[in-house]
Amino acid sequence: MDDDQPLARWTAARSMDRVAVPGELQVTKTHVVFEPKGRRAQGARFSVAFKFVVGVGTAPGTGKLFSGGKRERLCLTLGDGSEWLFVVPDLDAAVAGIRSAVSSRR
């Protein structure tokens, strides 16, 4: 199997400033990837190797309508301290799936 083939997928939106860009969050053998869909996709693609992910959890919503409202978000924390936020309808499954993939393949 190719390392780029998704092992798990979730419908998601990447929180970027005041908007949430729709797309798909994926886990491959080595990376967490967000593939944007639609017109607002420019600059929204995200890919990070498991070795740089130090935390997988949730973050509270901002309350802003166009960035996902008050819903909790998936939060990936990287080794440099940056946090990447994603609105995921099946949040618990995504957190558990990504956390498991990251911890088992580091």
PDB file of N, CA and C in Angstrom:
ATOM      1  N   MET A   1       0.838  -1.186   0.000  1.00  0.00           N
ATOM      2  CA  MET A   1       0.000   0.000   0.000  1.00  0.00           C
ATOM      3  C   MET A   1       0.880   1.244   0.000  1.00  0.00           C
ATOM      4  N   ASP A   2       0.493   2.237  -0.746  1.00  0.00           N
ATOM      5  CA  ASP A   2       1.192   3.503  -0.837  1.00  0.00           C
ATOM      6  C   ASP A   2       1.003   4.287   0.466  1.00  0.00           C
ATOM      7  N   ASP A   3       2.040   4.973   0.928  1.00  0.00           N
ATOM      8  CA  ASP A   3       1.959   5.759   2.160  1.00  0.00           C
ATOM      9  C   ASP A   3       0.951   6.897   2.074  1.00  0.00           C
ATOM     10  N   ASP A   4       0.608   7.336   0.863  1.00  0.00           N
ATOM     11  CA  ASP A   4      -0.317   8.449   0.687  1.00  0.00           C
ATOM     12  C   ASP A   4      -1.781   8.035   0.669  1.00  0.00           C
ATOM     13  N   GLN A   5      -2.064   6.758   0.644  1.00  0.00           N
ATOM     14  CA  GLN A   5      -3.445   6.289   0.607  1.00  0.00           C
ATOM     15  C   GLN A   5      -4.109   6.477   1.974  1.00  0.00           C
ATOM     16  N   PRO A   6      -5.295   7.105   2.002  1.00  0.00           N
ATOM     17  CA  PRO A   6      -5.975   7.314   3.287  1.00  0.00           C
ATOM     18  C   PRO A   6      -6.394   6.003   3.939  1.00  0.00           C
ATOM     19  N   LEU A   7      -6.101   5.875   5.233  1.00  0.00           N
ATOM     20  CA  LEU A   7      -6.541   4.733   6.029  1.00  0.00           C
ATOM     21  C   LEU A   7      -7.852   5.040   6.738  1.00  0.00           C
ATOM     22  N   ALA A   8      -8.110   6.323   6.975  1.00  0.00           N
ATOM     23  CA  ALA A   8      -9.355   6.789   7.587  1.00  0.00           C
ATOM     24  C   ALA A   8      -9.663   8.173   7.027  1.00  0.00           C
ATOM     25  N   ARG A   9     -10.966   8.496   6.945  1.00  0.00           N
ATOM     26  CA  ARG A   9     -11.398   9.785   6.389  1.00  0.00           C
ATOM     27  C   ARG A   9     -12.577  10.326   7.194  1.00  0.00           C
ATOM     28  N   TRP A  10     -12.609  11.634   7.323  1.00  0.00           N
ATOM     29  CA  TRP A  10     -13.737  12.302   7.958  1.00  0.00           C
ATOM     30  C   TRP A  10     -14.052  13.574   7.193  1.00  0.00           C
ATOM     31  N   THR A  11     -15.335  13.867   7.029  1.00  0.00           N
ATOM     32  CA  THR A  11     -15.742  15.155   6.499  1.00  0.00           C
ATOM     33  C   THR A  11     -15.318  16.189   7.526  1.00  0.00           C
ATOM     34  N   ALA A  12     -14.741  17.286   7.067  1.00  0.00           N
ATOM     35  CA  ALA A  12     -14.225  18.283   8.003  1.00  0.00           C
ATOM     36  C   ALA A  12     -14.179  19.653   7.338  1.00  0.00           C
ATOM     37  N   ALA A  13     -13.911  20.648   8.147  1.00  0.00           N
ATOM     38  CA  ALA A  13     -13.649  22.002   7.663  1.00  0.00           C
ATOM     39  C   ALA A  13     -12.468  22.532   8.455  1.00  0.00           C
ATOM     40  N   ARG A  14     -11.564  23.188   7.773  1.00  0.00           N
ATOM     41  CA  ARG A  14     -10.394  23.753   8.452  1.00  0.00           C
ATOM     42  C   ARG A  14     -10.715  25.178   8.874  1.00  0.00           C
ATOM     43  N   SER A  15     -10.572  25.465  10.147  1.00  0.00           N
ATOM     44  CA  SER A  15     -10.816  26.813  10.658  1.00  0.00           C
ATOM     45  C   SER A  15      -9.658  27.713  10.264  1.00  0.00           C
ATOM     46  N   MET A  16      -9.974  28.754   9.503  1.00  0.00           N
ATOM     47  CA  MET A  16      -8.966  29.718   9.058  1.00  0.00           C
ATOM     48  C   MET A  16      -9.526  31.125   9.282  1.00  0.00           C
ATOM     49  N   ASP A  17      -8.988  31.814  10.271  1.00  0.00           N
ATOM     50  CA  ASP A  17      -9.457  33.155  10.626  1.00  0.00           C
ATOM     51  C   ASP A  17     -10.967  33.141  10.851  1.00  0.00           C
ATOM     52  N   ARG A  18     -11.711  33.810   9.966  1.00  0.00           N
ATOM     53  CA  ARG A  18     -13.157  33.919  10.152  1.00  0.00           C
ATOM     54  C   ARG A  18     -13.958  32.957   9.291  1.00  0.00           C
ATOM     55  N   VAL A  19     -13.315  32.036   8.622  1.00  0.00           N
ATOM     56  CA  VAL A  19     -14.032  31.085   7.766  1.00  0.00           C
ATOM     57  C   VAL A  19     -13.613  29.654   8.068  1.00  0.00           C
ATOM     58  N   ALA A  20     -14.456  28.738   7.674  1.00  0.00           N
ATOM     59  CA  ALA A  20     -14.136  27.318   7.750  1.00  0.00           C
ATOM     60  C   ALA A  20     -14.154  26.783   6.323  1.00  0.00           C
ATOM     61  N   VAL A  21     -13.020  26.304   5.843  1.00  0.00           N
ATOM     62  CA  VAL A  21     -12.893  25.792   4.482  1.00  0.00           C
ATOM     63  C   VAL A  21     -13.297  24.318   4.487  1.00  0.00           C
ATOM     64  N   PRO A  22     -14.317  23.931   3.706  1.00  0.00           N
ATOM     65  CA  PRO A  22     -14.769  22.536   3.704  1.00  0.00           C
ATOM     66  C   PRO A  22     -13.785  21.611   3.006  1.00  0.00           C
ATOM     67  N   GLY A  23     -13.798  20.351   3.435  1.00  0.00           N
ATOM     68  CA  GLY A  23     -12.928  19.362   2.818  1.00  0.00           C
ATOM     69  C   GLY A  23     -12.999  18.032   3.526  1.00  0.00           C
ATOM     70  N   GLU A  24     -11.891  17.309   3.478  1.00  0.00           N
ATOM     71  CA  GLU A  24     -11.823  15.975   4.064  1.00  0.00           C
ATOM     72  C   GLU A  24     -10.523  15.833   4.861  1.00  0.00           C
ATOM     73  N   LEU A  25     -10.647  15.374   6.095  1.00  0.00           N
ATOM     74  CA  LEU A  25      -9.497  15.093   6.942  1.00  0.00           C
ATOM     75  C   LEU A  25      -9.165  13.622   6.776  1.00  0.00           C
ATOM     76  N   GLN A  26      -7.888  13.322   6.543  1.00  0.00           N
ATOM     77  CA  GLN A  26      -7.458  11.955   6.263  1.00  0.00           C
ATOM     78  C   GLN A  26      -6.277  11.569   7.140  1.00  0.00           C
ATOM     79  N   VAL A  27      -6.180  10.273   7.411  1.00  0.00           N
ATOM     80  CA  VAL A  27      -5.012   9.713   8.071  1.00  0.00           C
ATOM     81  C   VAL A  27      -4.402   8.713   7.107  1.00  0.00           C
ATOM     82  N   THR A  28      -3.107   8.894   6.801  1.00  0.00           N
ATOM     83  CA  THR A  28      -2.383   7.930   5.974  1.00  0.00           C
ATOM     84  C   THR A  28      -1.460   7.144   6.904  1.00  0.00           C
ATOM     85  N   LYS A  29      -0.572   6.355   6.349  1.00  0.00           N
ATOM     86  CA  LYS A  29       0.381   5.607   7.185  1.00  0.00           C
ATOM     87  C   LYS A  29       1.323   6.521   7.948  1.00  0.00           C
ATOM     88  N   THR A  30       1.574   7.706   7.429  1.00  0.00           N
ATOM     89  CA  THR A  30       2.596   8.571   8.013  1.00  0.00           C
ATOM     90  C   THR A  30       2.155  10.004   8.311  1.00  0.00           C
ATOM     91  N   HIS A  31       0.985  10.422   7.835  1.00  0.00           N
ATOM     92  CA  HIS A  31       0.574  11.820   7.917  1.00  0.00           C
ATOM     93  C   HIS A  31      -0.893  11.996   8.302  1.00  0.00           C
ATOM     94  N   VAL A  32      -1.191  13.187   8.813  1.00  0.00           N
ATOM     95  CA  VAL A  32      -2.565  13.684   8.909  1.00  0.00           C
ATOM     96  C   VAL A  32      -2.670  14.716   7.791  1.00  0.00           C
ATOM     97  N   VAL A  33      -3.708  14.589   6.961  1.00  0.00           N
ATOM     98  CA  VAL A  33      -3.846  15.432   5.773  1.00  0.00           C
ATOM     99  C   VAL A  33      -5.248  16.028   5.743  1.00  0.00           C
ATOM    100  N   PHE A  34      -5.346  17.313   5.361  1.00  0.00           N
ATOM    101  CA  PHE A  34      -6.636  17.932   5.084  1.00  0.00           C
ATOM    102  C   PHE A  34      -6.643  18.319   3.620  1.00  0.00           C
ATOM    103  N   GLU A  35      -7.592  17.749   2.877  1.00  0.00           N
ATOM    104  CA  GLU A  35      -7.757  18.060   1.451  1.00  0.00           C
ATOM    105  C   GLU A  35      -8.978  18.960   1.300  1.00  0.00           C
ATOM    106  N   PRO A  36      -8.785  20.226   0.942  1.00  0.00           N
ATOM    107  CA  PRO A  36      -9.910  21.147   0.802  1.00  0.00           C
ATOM    108  C   PRO A  36     -10.720  20.862  -0.450  1.00  0.00           C
ATOM    109  N   LYS A  37     -11.972  21.267  -0.410  1.00  0.00           N
ATOM    110  CA  LYS A  37     -12.873  21.130  -1.553  1.00  0.00           C
ATOM    111  C   LYS A  37     -13.532  22.485  -1.797  1.00  0.00           C
ATOM    112  N   GLY A  38     -13.817  22.793  -3.037  1.00  0.00           N
ATOM    113  CA  GLY A  38     -14.579  24.002  -3.349  1.00  0.00           C
ATOM    114  C   GLY A  38     -13.743  25.222  -3.650  1.00  0.00           C
ATOM    115  N   ARG A  39     -14.436  26.349  -3.766  1.00  0.00           N
ATOM    116  CA  ARG A  39     -13.840  27.609  -4.208  1.00  0.00           C
ATOM    117  C   ARG A  39     -12.845  28.207  -3.214  1.00  0.00           C
ATOM    118  N   ARG A  40     -13.092  28.028  -1.923  1.00  0.00           N
ATOM    119  CA  ARG A  40     -12.249  28.674  -0.914  1.00  0.00           C
ATOM    120  C   ARG A  40     -11.028  27.839  -0.550  1.00  0.00           C
ATOM    121  N   ALA A  41     -10.638  26.938  -1.420  1.00  0.00           N
ATOM    122  CA  ALA A  41      -9.598  25.962  -1.095  1.00  0.00           C
ATOM    123  C   ALA A  41      -8.177  26.504  -1.138  1.00  0.00           C
ATOM    124  N   GLN A  42      -7.948  27.620  -1.790  1.00  0.00           N
ATOM    125  CA  GLN A  42      -6.582  28.108  -1.963  1.00  0.00           C
ATOM    126  C   GLN A  42      -5.900  28.332  -0.618  1.00  0.00           C
ATOM    127  N   GLY A  43      -4.754  27.705  -0.438  1.00  0.00           N
ATOM    128  CA  GLY A  43      -3.982  27.870   0.780  1.00  0.00           C
ATOM    129  C   GLY A  43      -4.477  27.069   1.959  1.00  0.00           C
ATOM    130  N   ALA A  44      -5.482  26.238   1.758  1.00  0.00           N
ATOM    131  CA  ALA A  44      -6.083  25.525   2.883  1.00  0.00           C
ATOM    132  C   ALA A  44      -5.571  24.100   3.047  1.00  0.00           C
ATOM    133  N   ARG A  45      -4.812  23.564   2.075  1.00  0.00           N
ATOM    134  CA  ARG A  45      -4.331  22.188   2.214  1.00  0.00           C
ATOM    135  C   ARG A  45      -3.387  22.108   3.406  1.00  0.00           C
ATOM    136  N   PHE A  46      -3.480  21.007   4.140  1.00  0.00           N
ATOM    137  CA  PHE A  46      -2.673  20.818   5.336  1.00  0.00           C
ATOM    138  C   PHE A  46      -2.175  19.385   5.345  1.00  0.00           C
ATOM    139  N   SER A  47      -0.902  19.204   5.656  1.00  0.00           N
ATOM    140  CA  SER A  47      -0.327  17.870   5.774  1.00  0.00           C
ATOM    141  C   SER A  47       0.799  17.938   6.789  1.00  0.00           C
ATOM    142  N   VAL A  48       0.776  17.011   7.757  1.00  0.00           N
ATOM    143  CA  VAL A  48       1.829  16.984   8.762  1.00  0.00           C
ATOM    144  C   VAL A  48       2.177  15.541   9.087  1.00  0.00           C
ATOM    145  N   ALA A  49       3.472  15.264   9.176  1.00  0.00           N
ATOM    146  CA  ALA A  49       3.946  13.920   9.544  1.00  0.00           C
ATOM    147  C   ALA A  49       3.643  13.679  11.015  1.00  0.00           C
ATOM    148  N   PHE A  50       3.339  12.424  11.345  1.00  0.00           N
ATOM    149  CA  PHE A  50       3.027  12.051  12.727  1.00  0.00           C
ATOM    150  C   PHE A  50       4.120  12.480  13.699  1.00  0.00           C
ATOM    151  N   LYS A  51       5.381  12.418  13.266  1.00  0.00           N
ATOM    152  CA  LYS A  51       6.483  12.715  14.190  1.00  0.00           C
ATOM    153  C   LYS A  51       6.462  14.160  14.688  1.00  0.00           C
ATOM    154  N   PHE A  52       5.734  15.049  14.009  1.00  0.00           N
ATOM    155  CA  PHE A  52       5.653  16.443  14.435  1.00  0.00           C
ATOM    156  C   PHE A  52       4.419  16.737  15.286  1.00  0.00           C
ATOM    157  N   VAL A  53       3.494  15.768  15.395  1.00  0.00           N
ATOM    158  CA  VAL A  53       2.268  15.957  16.173  1.00  0.00           C
ATOM    159  C   VAL A  53       2.551  15.570  17.628  1.00  0.00           C
ATOM    160  N   VAL A  54       2.367  16.531  18.537  1.00  0.00           N
ATOM    161  CA  VAL A  54       2.603  16.245  19.955  1.00  0.00           C
ATOM    162  C   VAL A  54       1.300  16.131  20.746  1.00  0.00           C
ATOM    163  N   GLY A  55       0.179  16.535  20.151  1.00  0.00           N
ATOM    164  CA  GLY A  55      -1.096  16.432  20.850  1.00  0.00           C
ATOM    165  C   GLY A  55      -2.276  16.372  19.899  1.00  0.00           C
ATOM    166  N   VAL A  56      -3.258  15.556  20.260  1.00  0.00           N
ATOM    167  CA  VAL A  56      -4.507  15.457  19.507  1.00  0.00           C
ATOM    168  C   VAL A  56      -5.630  15.569  20.532  1.00  0.00           C
ATOM    169  N   GLY A  57      -6.479  16.563  20.372  1.00  0.00           N
ATOM    170  CA  GLY A  57      -7.557  16.763  21.334  1.00  0.00           C
ATOM    171  C   GLY A  57      -8.634  17.655  20.767  1.00  0.00           C
ATOM    172  N   THR A  58      -9.317  18.374  21.655  1.00  0.00           N
ATOM    173  CA  THR A  58     -10.385  19.268  21.224  1.00  0.00           C
ATOM    174  C   THR A  58     -10.116  20.676  21.735  1.00  0.00           C
ATOM    175  N   ALA A  59     -10.757  21.651  21.090  1.00  0.00           N
ATOM    176  CA  ALA A  59     -10.677  23.050  21.487  1.00  0.00           C
ATOM    177  C   ALA A  59     -12.081  23.624  21.397  1.00  0.00           C
ATOM    178  N   PRO A  60     -12.422  24.554  22.272  1.00  0.00           N
ATOM    179  CA  PRO A  60     -13.769  25.133  22.233  1.00  0.00           C
ATOM    180  C   PRO A  60     -13.980  25.959  20.974  1.00  0.00           C
ATOM    181  N   GLY A  61     -15.242  26.074  20.564  1.00  0.00           N
ATOM    182  CA  GLY A  61     -15.586  26.885  19.404  1.00  0.00           C
ATOM    183  C   GLY A  61     -15.410  28.360  19.686  1.00  0.00           C
ATOM    184  N   THR A  62     -15.315  29.143  18.618  1.00  0.00           N
ATOM    185  CA  THR A  62     -15.126  30.589  18.747  1.00  0.00           C
ATOM    186  C   THR A  62     -16.446  31.326  18.872  1.00  0.00           C
ATOM    187  N   GLY A  63     -17.524  30.683  18.432  1.00  0.00           N
ATOM    188  CA  GLY A  63     -18.821  31.349  18.416  1.00  0.00           C
ATOM    189  C   GLY A  63     -19.078  32.105  17.130  1.00  0.00           C
ATOM    190  N   LYS A  64     -18.068  32.222  16.267  1.00  0.00           N
ATOM    191  CA  LYS A  64     -18.229  32.937  15.007  1.00  0.00           C
ATOM    192  C   LYS A  64     -18.906  32.026  13.990  1.00  0.00           C
ATOM    193  N   LEU A  65     -19.988  32.502  13.406  1.00  0.00           N
ATOM    194  CA  LEU A  65     -20.828  31.711  12.510  1.00  0.00           C
ATOM    195  C   LEU A  65     -20.052  31.057  11.369  1.00  0.00           C
ATOM    196  N   PHE A  66     -19.209  31.800  10.673  1.00  0.00           N
ATOM    197  CA  PHE A  66     -18.556  31.280   9.473  1.00  0.00           C
ATOM    198  C   PHE A  66     -17.298  30.464   9.751  1.00  0.00           C
ATOM    199  N   SER A  67     -16.936  30.290  11.009  1.00  0.00           N
ATOM    200  CA  SER A  67     -15.778  29.446  11.317  1.00  0.00           C
ATOM    201  C   SER A  67     -16.185  28.237  12.151  1.00  0.00           C
ATOM    202  N   GLY A  68     -17.449  27.880  12.100  1.00  0.00           N
ATOM    203  CA  GLY A  68     -17.902  26.675  12.785  1.00  0.00           C
ATOM    204  C   GLY A  68     -18.761  26.911  14.002  1.00  0.00           C
ATOM    205  N   GLY A  69     -18.996  28.160  14.353  1.00  0.00           N
ATOM    206  CA  GLY A  69     -19.873  28.468  15.479  1.00  0.00           C
ATOM    207  C   GLY A  69     -19.293  28.065  16.820  1.00  0.00           C
ATOM    208  N   LYS A  70     -20.163  27.570  17.676  1.00  0.00           N
ATOM    209  CA  LYS A  70     -19.762  27.221  19.040  1.00  0.00           C
ATOM    210  C   LYS A  70     -19.325  25.765  19.194  1.00  0.00           C
ATOM    211  N   ARG A  71     -19.341  25.007  18.096  1.00  0.00           N
ATOM    212  CA  ARG A  71     -18.953  23.596  18.171  1.00  0.00           C
ATOM    213  C   ARG A  71     -17.492  23.428  18.559  1.00  0.00           C
ATOM    214  N   GLU A  72     -17.230  22.390  19.338  1.00  0.00           N
ATOM    215  CA  GLU A  72     -15.850  22.049  19.642  1.00  0.00           C
ATOM    216  C   GLU A  72     -15.155  21.629  18.358  1.00  0.00           C
ATOM    217  N   ARG A  73     -13.845  21.820  18.312  1.00  0.00           N
ATOM    218  CA  ARG A  73     -13.054  21.481  17.135  1.00  0.00           C
ATOM    219  C   ARG A  73     -11.980  20.467  17.485  1.00  0.00           C
ATOM    220  N   LEU A  74     -11.552  19.745  16.466  1.00  0.00           N
ATOM    221  CA  LEU A  74     -10.378  18.896  16.583  1.00  0.00           C
ATOM    222  C   LEU A  74      -9.180  19.829  16.613  1.00  0.00           C
ATOM    223  N   CYS A  75      -8.271  19.601  17.524  1.00  0.00           N
ATOM    224  CA  CYS A  75      -7.080  20.437  17.645  1.00  0.00           C
ATOM    225  C   CYS A  75      -5.835  19.555  17.554  1.00  0.00           C
ATOM    226  N   LEU A  76      -5.014  19.814  16.551  1.00  0.00           N
ATOM    227  CA  LEU A  76      -3.717  19.150  16.429  1.00  0.00           C
ATOM    228  C   LEU A  76      -2.661  20.133  16.902  1.00  0.00           C
ATOM    229  N   THR A  77      -1.883  19.741  17.892  1.00  0.00           N
ATOM    230  CA  THR A  77      -0.800  20.576  18.394  1.00  0.00           C
ATOM    231  C   THR A  77       0.511  20.008  17.873  1.00  0.00           C
ATOM    232  N   LEU A  78       1.313  20.868  17.275  1.00  0.00           N
ATOM    233  CA  LEU A  78       2.587  20.448  16.697  1.00  0.00           C
ATOM    234  C   LEU A  78       3.733  20.793  17.639  1.00  0.00           C
ATOM    235  N   GLY A  79       4.878  20.217  17.384  1.00  0.00           N
ATOM    236  CA  GLY A  79       6.050  20.403  18.218  1.00  0.00           C
ATOM    237  C   GLY A  79       6.503  21.846  18.355  1.00  0.00           C
ATOM    238  N   ASP A  80       6.157  22.698  17.387  1.00  0.00           N
ATOM    239  CA  ASP A  80       6.542  24.112  17.464  1.00  0.00           C
ATOM    240  C   ASP A  80       5.555  24.939  18.270  1.00  0.00           C
ATOM    241  N   GLY A  81       4.524  24.270  18.828  1.00  0.00           N
ATOM    242  CA  GLY A  81       3.520  24.959  19.636  1.00  0.00           C
ATOM    243  C   GLY A  81       2.312  25.440  18.860  1.00  0.00           C
ATOM    244  N   SER A  82       2.330  25.334  17.538  1.00  0.00           N
ATOM    245  CA  SER A  82       1.187  25.782  16.747  1.00  0.00           C
ATOM    246  C   SER A  82       0.020  24.820  16.905  1.00  0.00           C
ATOM    247  N   GLU A  83      -1.187  25.366  16.798  1.00  0.00           N
ATOM    248  CA  GLU A  83      -2.405  24.565  16.884  1.00  0.00           C
ATOM    249  C   GLU A  83      -3.182  24.712  15.587  1.00  0.00           C
ATOM    250  N   TRP A  84      -3.637  23.586  15.060  1.00  0.00           N
ATOM    251  CA  TRP A  84      -4.394  23.551  13.823  1.00  0.00           C
ATOM    252  C   TRP A  84      -5.774  23.021  14.151  1.00  0.00           C
ATOM    253  N   LEU A  85      -6.813  23.784  13.781  1.00  0.00           N
ATOM    254  CA  LEU A  85      -8.174  23.475  14.179  1.00  0.00           C
ATOM    255  C   LEU A  85      -9.026  23.027  13.002  1.00  0.00           C
ATOM    256  N   PHE A  86      -9.877  22.021  13.270  1.00  0.00           N
ATOM    257  CA  PHE A  86     -10.760  21.470  12.249  1.00  0.00           C
ATOM    258  C   PHE A  86     -12.141  21.220  12.860  1.00  0.00           C
ATOM    259  N   VAL A  87     -13.180  21.616  12.144  1.00  0.00           N
ATOM    260  CA  VAL A  87     -14.547  21.311  12.546  1.00  0.00           C
ATOM    261  C   VAL A  87     -14.875  19.953  11.937  1.00  0.00           C
ATOM    262  N   VAL A  88     -15.189  18.977  12.787  1.00  0.00           N
ATOM    263  CA  VAL A  88     -15.452  17.609  12.334  1.00  0.00           C
ATOM    264  C   VAL A  88     -16.778  17.148  12.944  1.00  0.00           C
ATOM    265  N   PRO A  89     -17.769  16.770  12.112  1.00  0.00           N
ATOM    266  CA  PRO A  89     -19.048  16.322  12.667  1.00  0.00           C
ATOM    267  C   PRO A  89     -18.908  15.135  13.627  1.00  0.00           C
ATOM    268  N   ASP A  90     -18.075  14.169  13.299  1.00  0.00           N
ATOM    269  CA  ASP A  90     -17.875  12.996  14.154  1.00  0.00           C
ATOM    270  C   ASP A  90     -16.586  13.198  14.959  1.00  0.00           C
ATOM    271  N   LEU A  91     -16.601  14.204  15.827  1.00  0.00           N
ATOM    272  CA  LEU A  91     -15.403  14.651  16.533  1.00  0.00           C
ATOM    273  C   LEU A  91     -14.758  13.554  17.374  1.00  0.00           C
ATOM    274  N   ASP A  92     -15.536  12.832  18.163  1.00  0.00           N
ATOM    275  CA  ASP A  92     -14.967  11.807  19.037  1.00  0.00           C
ATOM    276  C   ASP A  92     -14.240  10.722  18.247  1.00  0.00           C
ATOM    277  N   ALA A  93     -14.841  10.279  17.147  1.00  0.00           N
ATOM    278  CA  ALA A  93     -14.218   9.243  16.321  1.00  0.00           C
ATOM    279  C   ALA A  93     -12.942   9.762  15.666  1.00  0.00           C
ATOM    280  N   ALA A  94     -12.954  11.014  15.214  1.00  0.00           N
ATOM    281  CA  ALA A  94     -11.771  11.586  14.575  1.00  0.00           C
ATOM    282  C   ALA A  94     -10.628  11.732  15.581  1.00  0.00           C
ATOM    283  N   VAL A  95     -10.924  12.237  16.774  1.00  0.00           N
ATOM    284  CA  VAL A  95      -9.889  12.400  17.797  1.00  0.00           C
ATOM    285  C   VAL A  95      -9.289  11.039  18.145  1.00  0.00           C
ATOM    286  N   ALA A  96     -10.147  10.048  18.386  1.00  0.00           N
ATOM    287  CA  ALA A  96      -9.664   8.713  18.751  1.00  0.00           C
ATOM    288  C   ALA A  96      -8.857   8.085  17.616  1.00  0.00           C
ATOM    289  N   GLY A  97      -9.339   8.204  16.383  1.00  0.00           N
ATOM    290  CA  GLY A  97      -8.653   7.611  15.239  1.00  0.00           C
ATOM    291  C   GLY A  97      -7.298   8.239  14.976  1.00  0.00           C
ATOM    292  N   ILE A  98      -7.233   9.557  15.033  1.00  0.00           N
ATOM    293  CA  ILE A  98      -5.969  10.248  14.775  1.00  0.00           C
ATOM    294  C   ILE A  98      -5.001  10.020  15.924  1.00  0.00           C
ATOM    295  N   ARG A  99      -5.498  10.095  17.156  1.00  0.00           N
ATOM    296  CA  ARG A  99      -4.639   9.871  18.319  1.00  0.00           C
ATOM    297  C   ARG A  99      -4.018   8.475  18.272  1.00  0.00           C
ATOM    298  N   SER A 100      -4.825   7.493  17.922  1.00  0.00           N
ATOM    299  CA  SER A 100      -4.345   6.116  17.827  1.00  0.00           C
ATOM    300  C   SER A 100      -3.300   5.976  16.721  1.00  0.00           C
ATOM    301  N   ALA A 101      -3.574   6.549  15.559  1.00  0.00           N
ATOM    302  CA  ALA A 101      -2.636   6.461  14.439  1.00  0.00           C
ATOM    303  C   ALA A 101      -1.306   7.130  14.765  1.00  0.00           C
ATOM    304  N   VAL A 102      -1.371   8.302  15.364  1.00  0.00           N
ATOM    305  CA  VAL A 102      -0.155   9.047  15.699  1.00  0.00           C
ATOM    306  C   VAL A 102       0.671   8.302  16.742  1.00  0.00           C
ATOM    307  N   SER A 103       0.026   7.831  17.792  1.00  0.00           N
ATOM    308  CA  SER A 103       0.776   7.177  18.863  1.00  0.00           C
ATOM    309  C   SER A 103       1.358   5.825  18.451  1.00  0.00           C
ATOM    310  N   SER A 104       0.691   5.105  17.542  1.00  0.00           N
ATOM    311  CA  SER A 104       1.175   3.796  17.144  1.00  0.00           C
ATOM    312  C   SER A 104       2.234   3.836  16.041  1.00  0.00           C
ATOM    313  N   ARG A 105       2.395   4.953  15.385  1.00  0.00           N
ATOM    314  CA  ARG A 105       3.310   5.008  14.237  1.00  0.00           C
ATOM    315  C   ARG A 105       4.440   6.007  14.388  1.00  0.00           C
ATOM    316  N   ARG A 106       4.663   6.518  15.555  1.00  0.00           N
ATOM    317  CA  ARG A 106       5.755   7.487  15.744  1.00  0.00           C
ATOM    318  C   ARG A 106       7.080   6.835  15.630  1.00  0.00           C
TER     319      ARG A 106
END
